[in-house]
Amino acid sequence: MNIIEYYKTLETVDSGSITPEILKKSKQIGFSDKQIAAAIKSTELAVRKLREGFKITPFVKQIDTVA
């Protein structure tokens, strides 16, 4: 499933019924909290609170380019 298809899937979900799995997959694909909020007709802050409640935290993988 590509990002456009997944966005359409997100649009069928509302903020009260989004699951941790859907939210995690959205973040893994690369959606920002703001984009997820627009799709589920919510606010960025509400999505962030949901994400934190589900213990989905951002992280950055750093690549050593000196080696």
N, C-alpha and C. Protein backbone atom coordinates (compact mmCIF):
# COMPACT_ATOMS: atom_id res chain seq x y z
N MET A 1 0.85 -1.18 0.00
CA MET A 1 0.00 0.00 0.00
C MET A 1 0.90 1.24 0.00
N ASN A 2 0.62 2.15 -0.94
CA ASN A 2 1.44 3.36 -0.98
C ASN A 2 0.84 4.47 -0.11
N ILE A 3 1.56 5.57 -0.04
CA ILE A 3 1.18 6.65 0.88
C ILE A 3 -0.18 7.26 0.53
N ILE A 4 -0.49 7.35 -0.76
CA ILE A 4 -1.77 7.94 -1.18
C ILE A 4 -2.93 7.01 -0.80
N GLU A 5 -2.74 5.72 -1.04
CA GLU A 5 -3.78 4.75 -0.66
C GLU A 5 -3.99 4.75 0.85
N TYR A 6 -2.88 4.86 1.60
CA TYR A 6 -3.00 4.84 3.06
C TYR A 6 -3.69 6.11 3.57
N TYR A 7 -3.46 7.24 2.89
CA TYR A 7 -4.13 8.48 3.28
C TYR A 7 -5.65 8.32 3.12
N LYS A 8 -6.05 7.67 2.03
CA LYS A 8 -7.48 7.43 1.80
C LYS A 8 -8.05 6.53 2.89
N THR A 9 -7.26 5.55 3.33
CA THR A 9 -7.67 4.69 4.44
C THR A 9 -7.85 5.51 5.71
N LEU A 10 -6.89 6.41 5.96
CA LEU A 10 -6.96 7.27 7.15
C LEU A 10 -8.22 8.13 7.15
N GLU A 11 -8.62 8.58 5.96
CA GLU A 11 -9.80 9.45 5.87
C GLU A 11 -11.09 8.73 6.28
N THR A 12 -11.08 7.40 6.27
CA THR A 12 -12.27 6.65 6.66
C THR A 12 -12.36 6.45 8.18
N VAL A 13 -11.29 6.84 8.89
CA VAL A 13 -11.22 6.68 10.35
C VAL A 13 -11.50 8.03 11.00
N ASP A 14 -12.17 8.03 12.15
CA ASP A 14 -12.31 9.29 12.88
C ASP A 14 -11.43 9.26 14.12
N SER A 15 -11.27 10.41 14.74
CA SER A 15 -10.33 10.54 15.86
C SER A 15 -10.69 9.64 17.04
N GLY A 16 -11.96 9.28 17.17
CA GLY A 16 -12.36 8.44 18.29
C GLY A 16 -12.11 6.96 18.07
N SER A 17 -11.90 6.57 16.81
CA SER A 17 -11.75 5.13 16.54
C SER A 17 -10.39 4.75 15.96
N ILE A 18 -9.45 5.68 15.95
CA ILE A 18 -8.12 5.35 15.43
C ILE A 18 -7.41 4.41 16.41
N THR A 19 -6.81 3.37 15.86
CA THR A 19 -6.14 2.36 16.70
C THR A 19 -4.64 2.63 16.76
N PRO A 20 -3.96 2.08 17.76
CA PRO A 20 -2.50 2.24 17.83
C PRO A 20 -1.81 1.71 16.57
N GLU A 21 -2.34 0.63 15.99
CA GLU A 21 -1.73 0.04 14.80
C GLU A 21 -1.81 1.00 13.61
N ILE A 22 -2.97 1.62 13.43
CA ILE A 22 -3.15 2.56 12.32
C ILE A 22 -2.23 3.76 12.51
N LEU A 23 -2.18 4.28 13.72
CA LEU A 23 -1.35 5.45 14.01
C LEU A 23 0.13 5.13 13.80
N LYS A 24 0.57 3.97 14.28
CA LYS A 24 1.97 3.58 14.14
C LYS A 24 2.34 3.40 12.67
N LYS A 25 1.49 2.74 11.91
CA LYS A 25 1.74 2.53 10.48
C LYS A 25 1.81 3.88 9.75
N SER A 26 0.94 4.81 10.12
CA SER A 26 0.95 6.15 9.51
C SER A 26 2.28 6.84 9.74
N LYS A 27 2.78 6.75 10.96
CA LYS A 27 4.06 7.38 11.30
C LYS A 27 5.22 6.68 10.58
N GLN A 28 5.16 5.35 10.47
CA GLN A 28 6.22 4.60 9.78
C GLN A 28 6.26 4.96 8.30
N ILE A 29 5.10 5.18 7.70
CA ILE A 29 5.04 5.57 6.29
C ILE A 29 5.62 6.97 6.09
N GLY A 30 5.49 7.82 7.11
CA GLY A 30 6.07 9.15 7.02
C GLY A 30 5.11 10.30 7.21
N PHE A 31 3.89 10.03 7.64
CA PHE A 31 2.93 11.11 7.88
C PHE A 31 3.31 11.89 9.13
N SER A 32 3.13 13.21 9.07
CA SER A 32 3.31 14.03 10.26
C SER A 32 2.01 14.00 11.07
N ASP A 33 2.10 14.44 12.32
CA ASP A 33 0.90 14.52 13.15
C ASP A 33 -0.14 15.43 12.49
N LYS A 34 0.34 16.49 11.87
CA LYS A 34 -0.56 17.46 11.21
C LYS A 34 -1.31 16.81 10.04
N GLN A 35 -0.61 16.00 9.25
CA GLN A 35 -1.24 15.32 8.12
C GLN A 35 -2.26 14.29 8.59
N ILE A 36 -1.92 13.57 9.64
CA ILE A 36 -2.85 12.58 10.21
C ILE A 36 -4.09 13.30 10.73
N ALA A 37 -3.88 14.42 11.42
CA ALA A 37 -4.99 15.21 11.96
C ALA A 37 -5.94 15.66 10.86
N ALA A 38 -5.38 16.12 9.74
CA ALA A 38 -6.22 16.57 8.62
C ALA A 38 -7.05 15.41 8.07
N ALA A 39 -6.44 14.24 7.98
CA ALA A 39 -7.14 13.07 7.42
C ALA A 39 -8.27 12.59 8.33
N ILE A 40 -8.05 12.63 9.64
CA ILE A 40 -9.07 12.11 10.56
C ILE A 40 -9.95 13.22 11.14
N LYS A 41 -9.79 14.43 10.59
CA LYS A 41 -10.59 15.60 11.01
C LYS A 41 -10.44 15.87 12.50
N SER A 42 -9.19 16.07 12.90
CA SER A 42 -8.86 16.34 14.29
C SER A 42 -7.81 17.46 14.31
N THR A 43 -7.17 17.66 15.45
CA THR A 43 -6.12 18.67 15.53
C THR A 43 -4.77 17.99 15.71
N GLU A 44 -3.72 18.72 15.35
CA GLU A 44 -2.37 18.20 15.50
C GLU A 44 -2.06 17.84 16.96
N LEU A 45 -2.50 18.71 17.86
CA LEU A 45 -2.26 18.47 19.29
C LEU A 45 -2.98 17.20 19.77
N ALA A 46 -4.20 17.00 19.30
CA ALA A 46 -4.96 15.80 19.69
C ALA A 46 -4.27 14.53 19.19
N VAL A 47 -3.74 14.59 17.96
CA VAL A 47 -3.03 13.43 17.41
C VAL A 47 -1.75 13.17 18.19
N ARG A 48 -1.05 14.24 18.56
CA ARG A 48 0.18 14.08 19.34
C ARG A 48 -0.12 13.43 20.69
N LYS A 49 -1.21 13.89 21.34
CA LYS A 49 -1.60 13.31 22.64
C LYS A 49 -1.97 11.83 22.49
N LEU A 50 -2.70 11.50 21.42
CA LEU A 50 -3.04 10.10 21.15
C LEU A 50 -1.78 9.27 20.97
N ARG A 51 -0.86 9.79 20.15
CA ARG A 51 0.39 9.09 19.85
C ARG A 51 1.19 8.86 21.13
N GLU A 52 1.29 9.88 21.95
CA GLU A 52 2.01 9.75 23.22
C GLU A 52 1.30 8.77 24.15
N GLY A 53 -0.03 8.78 24.12
CA GLY A 53 -0.80 7.85 24.93
C GLY A 53 -0.59 6.40 24.51
N PHE A 54 -0.37 6.20 23.20
CA PHE A 54 -0.11 4.86 22.67
C PHE A 54 1.37 4.50 22.77
N LYS A 55 2.18 5.38 23.35
CA LYS A 55 3.63 5.17 23.51
C LYS A 55 4.34 5.05 22.16
N ILE A 56 3.89 5.84 21.18
CA ILE A 56 4.55 5.89 19.88
C ILE A 56 5.39 7.15 19.86
N THR A 57 6.70 6.97 19.99
CA THR A 57 7.59 8.12 20.09
C THR A 57 8.49 8.22 18.87
N PRO A 58 8.84 9.44 18.46
CA PRO A 58 9.71 9.61 17.30
C PRO A 58 11.16 9.29 17.65
N PHE A 59 11.89 8.84 16.67
CA PHE A 59 13.33 8.68 16.84
C PHE A 59 14.01 8.87 15.50
N VAL A 60 15.29 9.20 15.54
CA VAL A 60 16.07 9.45 14.32
C VAL A 60 17.21 8.45 14.28
N LYS A 61 17.34 7.77 13.15
CA LYS A 61 18.48 6.88 12.97
C LYS A 61 19.60 7.70 12.35
N GLN A 62 20.75 7.67 12.99
CA GLN A 62 21.86 8.47 12.52
C GLN A 62 22.86 7.56 11.82
N ILE A 63 23.31 7.99 10.64
CA ILE A 63 24.26 7.22 9.86
C ILE A 63 25.63 7.88 9.95
N ASP A 64 26.64 7.08 10.26
CA ASP A 64 28.01 7.59 10.36
C ASP A 64 28.57 7.71 8.95
N THR A 65 28.71 8.95 8.46
CA THR A 65 29.19 9.17 7.09
C THR A 65 30.70 9.33 7.02
N VAL A 66 31.38 9.28 8.17
CA VAL A 66 32.84 9.45 8.20
C VAL A 66 33.55 8.13 7.89
N ALA A 67 32.92 7.04 8.22
CA ALA A 67 33.56 5.72 8.07
C ALA A 67 33.83 5.36 6.62
